[in-house]
Amino acid sequence: MRAALAGGLLVLAYTAVISSADAITKFIAQGYAAPQLFAISGMIVATLSLMAAGGRSARALRTACPKAMGLRAAATVLASICFFYAFRLLPFADVFVFVGLMPITAALMSGLMLGEHPRPAAWAALIAGFVGLLCLMPGGIGAASPGHLWALGGVLTGTFSLVLSRYIGRFEQNALAQVFYPNLALGLSMCLALPFVWQPMPLTDLAWVLAYAGLLFAARWLLVVALRLLAAYVVTPLLNLQFIWMVGLGAWAFGEWPQPMTWLGVAIVIGSGLFLLWDQVAPQRTPLWRIRTDP
């Protein structure tokens, strides 16, 4: 129970921090290409990880799962690019529609990769969350645009990265390594494209990128620790709480307000996420038929 509550609080903190970072992404995406943001921020986050490790960097950054870490790093790079262009092309809160798809995707991937199959009641909550997403989809599924396709790609690659983080957490307690290597891969890969897209940045925009890197470092560390405490299919529904932050930031920074049906969808999605958290902490009950028939 304590581990589940601690995990829930960590995810809540993560949603506030990552939503702030996403708002900076949307702001920067209007004037710069993805490599310019991610080359700088990825290398800064990797450097912050080295600084946090201090004199024990060799031990703190050692990983027991190099292949899984490499896959997680590649998935993180792809997810970052996909969500960058999704934020550029879609209203801020609309990206939440696809973030909300991550619980169902995580449930499927966790079952295949980790053997963490949700109980029937949890599947009911996941289906309810999908119904909520249908309320959120502006113009229906038939109104898909390139921005929606970028967001869907971000969901698939981002969920794969989350499930891999849960897998790695089974074999090591080193959260810092899971922050360092994906961001190092992001920074180095984007540096290859940087000469082709670089634009001079005023100091104010550079300050925004530095703030983004700091928020991203904190968010990814919080999420890695949370994934050690809670199953991936429980963490991802709780990520839907970031919609509250996204609505506030979208209205304040970009003048974007969701449609009335959005609020109904949000209520369903968040309700399903809270039910999944309860399903994680509730004690397993023995069915009545087994009590009556077992000797």
Protein backbone atom coordinates (compact mmCIF):
# COMPACT_ATOMS: atom_id res chain seq x y z
CA MET A 1 0.00 0.00 0.00
CA ARG A 2 2.80 2.44 0.93
CA ALA A 3 4.65 1.68 -2.31
CA ALA A 4 1.50 2.23 -4.38
CA LEU A 5 0.71 5.54 -2.66
CA ALA A 6 4.30 6.71 -3.05
CA GLY A 7 4.19 5.73 -6.72
CA GLY A 8 0.92 7.64 -7.18
CA LEU A 9 2.39 10.80 -5.64
CA LEU A 10 5.49 10.52 -7.81
CA VAL A 11 3.33 10.22 -10.93
CA LEU A 12 1.31 13.27 -9.84
CA ALA A 13 4.52 15.29 -9.50
CA TYR A 14 5.67 13.94 -12.85
CA THR A 15 2.50 15.13 -14.62
CA ALA A 16 3.00 18.69 -13.39
CA VAL A 17 6.66 18.78 -14.40
CA ILE A 18 6.29 17.09 -17.80
CA SER A 19 3.30 19.27 -18.74
CA SER A 20 5.45 22.34 -18.13
CA ALA A 21 8.17 20.84 -20.32
CA ASP A 22 5.59 20.04 -23.03
CA ALA A 23 4.40 23.65 -22.99
CA ILE A 24 7.97 24.77 -23.68
CA THR A 25 8.15 22.18 -26.49
CA LYS A 26 5.05 23.64 -28.14
CA PHE A 27 6.47 27.15 -27.79
CA ILE A 28 9.87 26.25 -29.25
CA ALA A 29 8.35 24.06 -31.99
CA GLN A 30 6.80 27.09 -33.65
CA GLY A 31 10.17 28.58 -34.60
CA TYR A 32 12.80 25.82 -34.55
CA ALA A 33 13.32 22.28 -35.84
CA ALA A 34 13.29 19.30 -33.50
CA PRO A 35 17.09 18.66 -33.58
CA GLN A 36 17.80 22.16 -32.27
CA LEU A 37 15.73 21.61 -29.13
CA PHE A 38 16.72 18.01 -28.48
CA ALA A 39 20.45 18.31 -29.26
CA ILE A 40 20.83 21.00 -26.60
CA SER A 41 18.39 19.59 -24.04
CA GLY A 42 19.51 15.97 -24.45
CA MET A 43 23.16 16.82 -23.80
CA ILE A 44 22.21 19.05 -20.86
CA VAL A 45 20.13 16.28 -19.25
CA ALA A 46 22.97 13.79 -19.80
CA THR A 47 25.38 16.26 -18.17
CA LEU A 48 23.02 16.77 -15.22
CA SER A 49 22.94 12.99 -14.79
CA LEU A 50 26.74 12.89 -14.65
CA MET A 51 26.74 15.72 -12.11
CA ALA A 52 24.15 13.93 -9.99
CA ALA A 53 26.28 10.78 -10.07
CA GLY A 54 29.30 12.74 -8.83
CA GLY A 55 32.41 10.71 -8.05
CA ARG A 56 30.54 7.42 -8.35
CA SER A 57 29.55 7.97 -11.99
CA ALA A 58 30.99 4.64 -13.19
CA ARG A 59 28.87 2.69 -10.70
CA ALA A 60 25.83 4.99 -10.83
CA LEU A 61 25.57 4.78 -14.62
CA ARG A 62 26.27 1.06 -14.95
CA THR A 63 23.37 -0.94 -16.35
CA ALA A 64 22.63 -4.64 -16.01
CA CYS A 65 20.44 -4.60 -19.15
CA PRO A 66 22.48 -3.03 -21.97
CA LYS A 67 20.30 -4.40 -24.79
CA ALA A 68 17.04 -3.27 -23.17
CA MET A 69 18.64 0.08 -22.37
CA GLY A 70 19.65 0.49 -26.01
CA LEU A 71 16.09 -0.26 -27.14
CA ARG A 72 14.72 2.18 -24.56
CA ALA A 73 17.12 4.89 -25.77
CA ALA A 74 16.05 4.38 -29.41
CA ALA A 75 12.36 4.43 -28.45
CA THR A 76 12.89 7.64 -26.46
CA VAL A 77 14.49 9.36 -29.47
CA LEU A 78 11.60 8.36 -31.76
CA ALA A 79 8.93 9.33 -29.21
CA SER A 80 10.53 12.73 -28.64
CA ILE A 81 10.52 13.51 -32.36
CA CYS A 82 6.94 12.31 -32.83
CA PHE A 83 5.55 14.35 -29.94
CA PHE A 84 7.55 17.40 -31.02
CA TYR A 85 5.71 17.52 -34.34
CA ALA A 86 2.41 16.57 -32.71
CA PHE A 87 2.69 19.62 -30.46
CA ARG A 88 3.59 21.77 -33.46
CA LEU A 89 0.55 20.67 -35.49
CA LEU A 90 -2.16 20.11 -32.85
CA PRO A 91 -3.70 22.23 -30.10
CA PHE A 92 -1.95 21.63 -26.80
CA ALA A 93 -4.78 19.80 -25.04
CA ASP A 94 -5.63 17.68 -28.09
CA VAL A 95 -2.34 15.80 -27.76
CA PHE A 96 -3.78 14.47 -24.51
CA VAL A 97 -6.20 12.38 -26.60
CA PHE A 98 -3.27 10.27 -27.69
CA VAL A 99 -1.46 10.34 -24.36
CA GLY A 100 -4.66 8.81 -23.00
CA LEU A 101 -4.25 5.86 -25.38
CA MET A 102 -1.09 4.83 -23.54
CA PRO A 103 -2.85 2.80 -20.78
CA ILE A 104 -4.36 0.35 -23.27
CA THR A 105 -1.13 0.18 -25.24
CA ALA A 106 0.84 -0.38 -22.03
CA ALA A 107 -1.55 -3.13 -20.91
CA LEU A 108 -1.02 -4.98 -24.18
CA MET A 109 2.76 -4.48 -24.20
CA SER A 110 3.12 -5.35 -20.50
CA GLY A 111 1.25 -8.60 -21.00
CA LEU A 112 3.47 -9.60 -23.92
CA MET A 113 6.80 -8.37 -22.55
CA LEU A 114 6.49 -8.54 -18.76
CA GLY A 115 3.72 -11.02 -18.05
CA GLU A 116 1.82 -8.33 -16.10
CA HIS A 117 -1.69 -9.19 -17.25
CA PRO A 118 -4.37 -6.86 -15.82
CA ARG A 119 -7.26 -8.48 -13.95
CA PRO A 120 -10.71 -8.38 -15.63
CA ALA A 121 -11.79 -5.37 -13.55
CA ALA A 122 -8.72 -3.48 -14.72
CA TRP A 123 -9.54 -4.26 -18.35
CA ALA A 124 -13.01 -2.80 -17.75
CA ALA A 125 -11.36 0.42 -16.54
CA LEU A 126 -9.09 0.48 -19.58
CA ILE A 127 -12.09 0.12 -21.91
CA ALA A 128 -13.86 2.93 -20.04
CA GLY A 129 -10.79 5.07 -20.56
CA PHE A 130 -10.95 4.41 -24.31
CA VAL A 131 -14.62 5.46 -24.33
CA GLY A 132 -13.52 8.70 -22.69
CA LEU A 133 -10.99 9.19 -25.47
CA LEU A 134 -13.75 8.94 -28.06
CA CYS A 135 -15.39 11.93 -26.35
CA LEU A 136 -12.12 13.83 -26.63
CA MET A 137 -11.40 13.17 -30.31
CA PRO A 138 -12.19 16.43 -32.10
CA GLY A 139 -14.29 15.80 -35.21
CA GLY A 140 -14.24 12.03 -34.79
CA ILE A 141 -11.62 9.49 -35.84
CA GLY A 142 -12.21 10.33 -39.49
CA ALA A 143 -10.72 13.80 -38.92
CA ALA A 144 -7.19 12.41 -38.56
CA SER A 145 -4.43 14.74 -39.75
CA PRO A 146 -0.62 14.48 -39.96
CA GLY A 147 -0.48 15.83 -36.42
CA HIS A 148 -2.63 12.94 -35.21
CA LEU A 149 -0.35 10.45 -36.97
CA TRP A 150 2.71 11.96 -35.31
CA ALA A 151 0.94 11.73 -31.95
CA LEU A 152 0.02 8.08 -32.54
CA GLY A 153 3.65 7.30 -33.36
CA GLY A 154 4.65 9.02 -30.12
CA VAL A 155 2.17 6.87 -28.18
CA LEU A 156 3.53 3.60 -29.57
CA THR A 157 7.21 4.43 -29.15
CA GLY A 158 6.69 6.24 -25.84
CA THR A 159 4.76 3.34 -24.32
CA PHE A 160 7.41 0.91 -25.52
CA SER A 161 10.00 3.02 -23.70
CA LEU A 162 7.89 3.03 -20.51
CA VAL A 163 7.44 -0.74 -20.51
CA LEU A 164 11.17 -1.23 -21.09
CA SER A 165 11.82 1.04 -18.11
CA ARG A 166 9.62 -1.21 -15.99
CA TYR A 167 11.52 -4.26 -17.32
CA ILE A 168 14.93 -2.75 -16.54
CA GLY A 169 13.71 -1.79 -13.06
CA ARG A 170 13.25 -5.49 -12.28
CA PHE A 171 16.99 -6.07 -12.51
CA GLU A 172 18.50 -2.83 -11.19
CA GLN A 173 17.63 -0.04 -8.80
CA ASN A 174 19.68 2.54 -10.67
CA ALA A 175 17.22 5.20 -11.84
CA LEU A 176 19.97 7.59 -12.93
CA ALA A 177 21.19 5.27 -15.70
CA GLN A 178 17.71 5.23 -17.22
CA VAL A 179 17.79 9.02 -17.38
CA PHE A 180 21.36 9.27 -18.69
CA TYR A 181 21.48 6.86 -21.62
CA PRO A 182 18.20 7.76 -23.41
CA ASN A 183 19.03 11.47 -23.20
CA LEU A 184 22.61 10.91 -24.30
CA ALA A 185 21.26 9.01 -27.32
CA LEU A 186 18.78 11.81 -27.98
CA GLY A 187 21.43 14.53 -27.78
CA LEU A 188 24.02 12.73 -29.92
CA SER A 189 21.58 11.65 -32.62
CA MET A 190 20.12 15.15 -32.90
CA CYS A 191 23.62 16.66 -33.08
CA LEU A 192 24.10 14.81 -36.39
CA ALA A 193 21.21 16.74 -37.93
CA LEU A 194 21.88 20.01 -36.11
CA PRO A 195 24.18 21.59 -38.78
CA PHE A 196 21.38 21.32 -41.36
CA VAL A 197 18.66 23.02 -39.28
CA TRP A 198 20.46 25.36 -36.88
CA GLN A 199 19.03 28.84 -36.45
CA PRO A 200 20.55 31.51 -34.18
CA MET A 201 18.73 31.65 -30.84
CA PRO A 202 18.26 34.78 -28.74
CA LEU A 203 19.12 34.48 -25.07
CA THR A 204 15.45 34.29 -24.08
CA ASP A 205 14.83 31.24 -26.27
CA LEU A 206 18.04 29.64 -25.04
CA ALA A 207 16.83 30.17 -21.48
CA TRP A 208 13.59 28.36 -22.37
CA VAL A 209 15.59 25.42 -23.71
CA LEU A 210 17.65 25.30 -20.50
CA ALA A 211 14.46 25.35 -18.45
CA TYR A 212 13.07 22.55 -20.61
CA ALA A 213 16.17 20.44 -19.99
CA GLY A 214 15.94 20.91 -16.23
CA LEU A 215 12.24 20.00 -16.18
CA LEU A 216 12.86 16.98 -18.41
CA PHE A 217 15.63 15.70 -16.14
CA ALA A 218 13.38 15.92 -13.09
CA ALA A 219 10.38 14.39 -14.90
CA ARG A 220 12.20 11.38 -16.28
CA TRP A 221 13.82 10.60 -12.94
CA LEU A 222 10.43 10.76 -11.21
CA LEU A 223 8.85 8.47 -13.80
CA VAL A 224 11.60 5.84 -13.61
CA VAL A 225 11.21 5.64 -9.83
CA ALA A 226 7.41 5.46 -10.13
CA LEU A 227 7.68 2.57 -12.61
CA ARG A 228 9.64 0.60 -10.02
CA LEU A 229 6.73 0.96 -7.57
CA LEU A 230 3.71 0.51 -9.86
CA ALA A 231 2.91 -1.65 -12.87
CA ALA A 232 3.21 0.11 -16.22
CA TYR A 233 -0.51 -0.28 -16.97
CA VAL A 234 -1.30 1.51 -13.69
CA VAL A 235 1.23 4.34 -14.15
CA THR A 236 0.06 5.23 -17.65
CA PRO A 237 -3.60 5.91 -16.72
CA LEU A 238 -2.39 8.17 -13.92
CA LEU A 239 -0.41 10.09 -16.52
CA ASN A 240 -3.81 11.26 -17.79
CA LEU A 241 -3.91 13.62 -14.81
CA GLN A 242 -1.58 15.83 -16.80
CA PHE A 243 -4.61 16.90 -18.84
CA ILE A 244 -5.54 19.24 -15.97
CA TRP A 245 -2.13 20.89 -16.25
CA MET A 246 -2.34 20.94 -20.04
CA VAL A 247 -5.72 22.72 -20.01
CA GLY A 248 -4.42 25.37 -17.63
CA LEU A 249 -1.18 25.92 -19.52
CA GLY A 250 -2.94 25.83 -22.90
CA ALA A 251 -5.41 28.49 -21.79
CA TRP A 252 -2.80 30.67 -20.11
CA ALA A 253 0.03 30.43 -22.65
CA PHE A 254 -1.72 29.73 -25.95
CA GLY A 255 -5.34 30.85 -25.49
CA GLU A 256 -6.63 27.33 -26.22
CA TRP A 257 -9.76 26.05 -24.43
CA PRO A 258 -11.10 22.48 -24.83
CA GLN A 259 -14.61 21.80 -26.15
CA PRO A 260 -17.39 20.89 -23.65
CA MET A 261 -17.31 17.20 -24.65
CA THR A 262 -13.64 17.18 -23.72
CA TRP A 263 -14.53 17.57 -20.05
CA LEU A 264 -16.80 14.52 -20.12
CA GLY A 265 -14.08 12.48 -21.74
CA VAL A 266 -11.55 13.69 -19.20
CA ALA A 267 -13.80 12.66 -16.31
CA ILE A 268 -14.12 9.14 -17.74
CA VAL A 269 -10.41 8.81 -18.49
CA ILE A 270 -9.25 10.07 -15.08
CA GLY A 271 -11.87 7.93 -13.32
CA SER A 272 -10.56 4.84 -15.09
CA GLY A 273 -7.01 5.75 -14.04
CA LEU A 274 -7.96 6.10 -10.38
CA PHE A 275 -9.80 2.77 -10.53
CA LEU A 276 -6.67 1.10 -11.89
CA LEU A 277 -4.68 2.49 -8.96
CA TRP A 278 -7.28 1.06 -6.56
CA ASP A 279 -7.12 -2.28 -8.40
CA GLN A 280 -3.35 -2.31 -7.81
CA VAL A 281 -3.54 -1.72 -4.06
CA ALA A 282 -6.73 -3.70 -3.27
CA PRO A 283 -6.06 -7.13 -1.75
CA GLN A 284 -6.67 -10.13 -3.96
CA ARG A 285 -9.97 -11.78 -3.06
CA THR A 286 -10.66 -15.50 -3.27
CA PRO A 287 -13.78 -16.21 -5.36
CA LEU A 288 -16.77 -17.63 -3.40
CA TRP A 289 -16.96 -20.72 -5.57
CA ARG A 290 -13.39 -21.62 -4.64
CA ILE A 291 -14.06 -21.11 -0.93
CA ARG A 292 -16.98 -23.51 -1.13
CA THR A 293 -15.26 -26.20 -3.16
CA ASP A 294 -11.68 -26.20 -1.85
CA PRO A 295 -11.11 -28.75 0.94
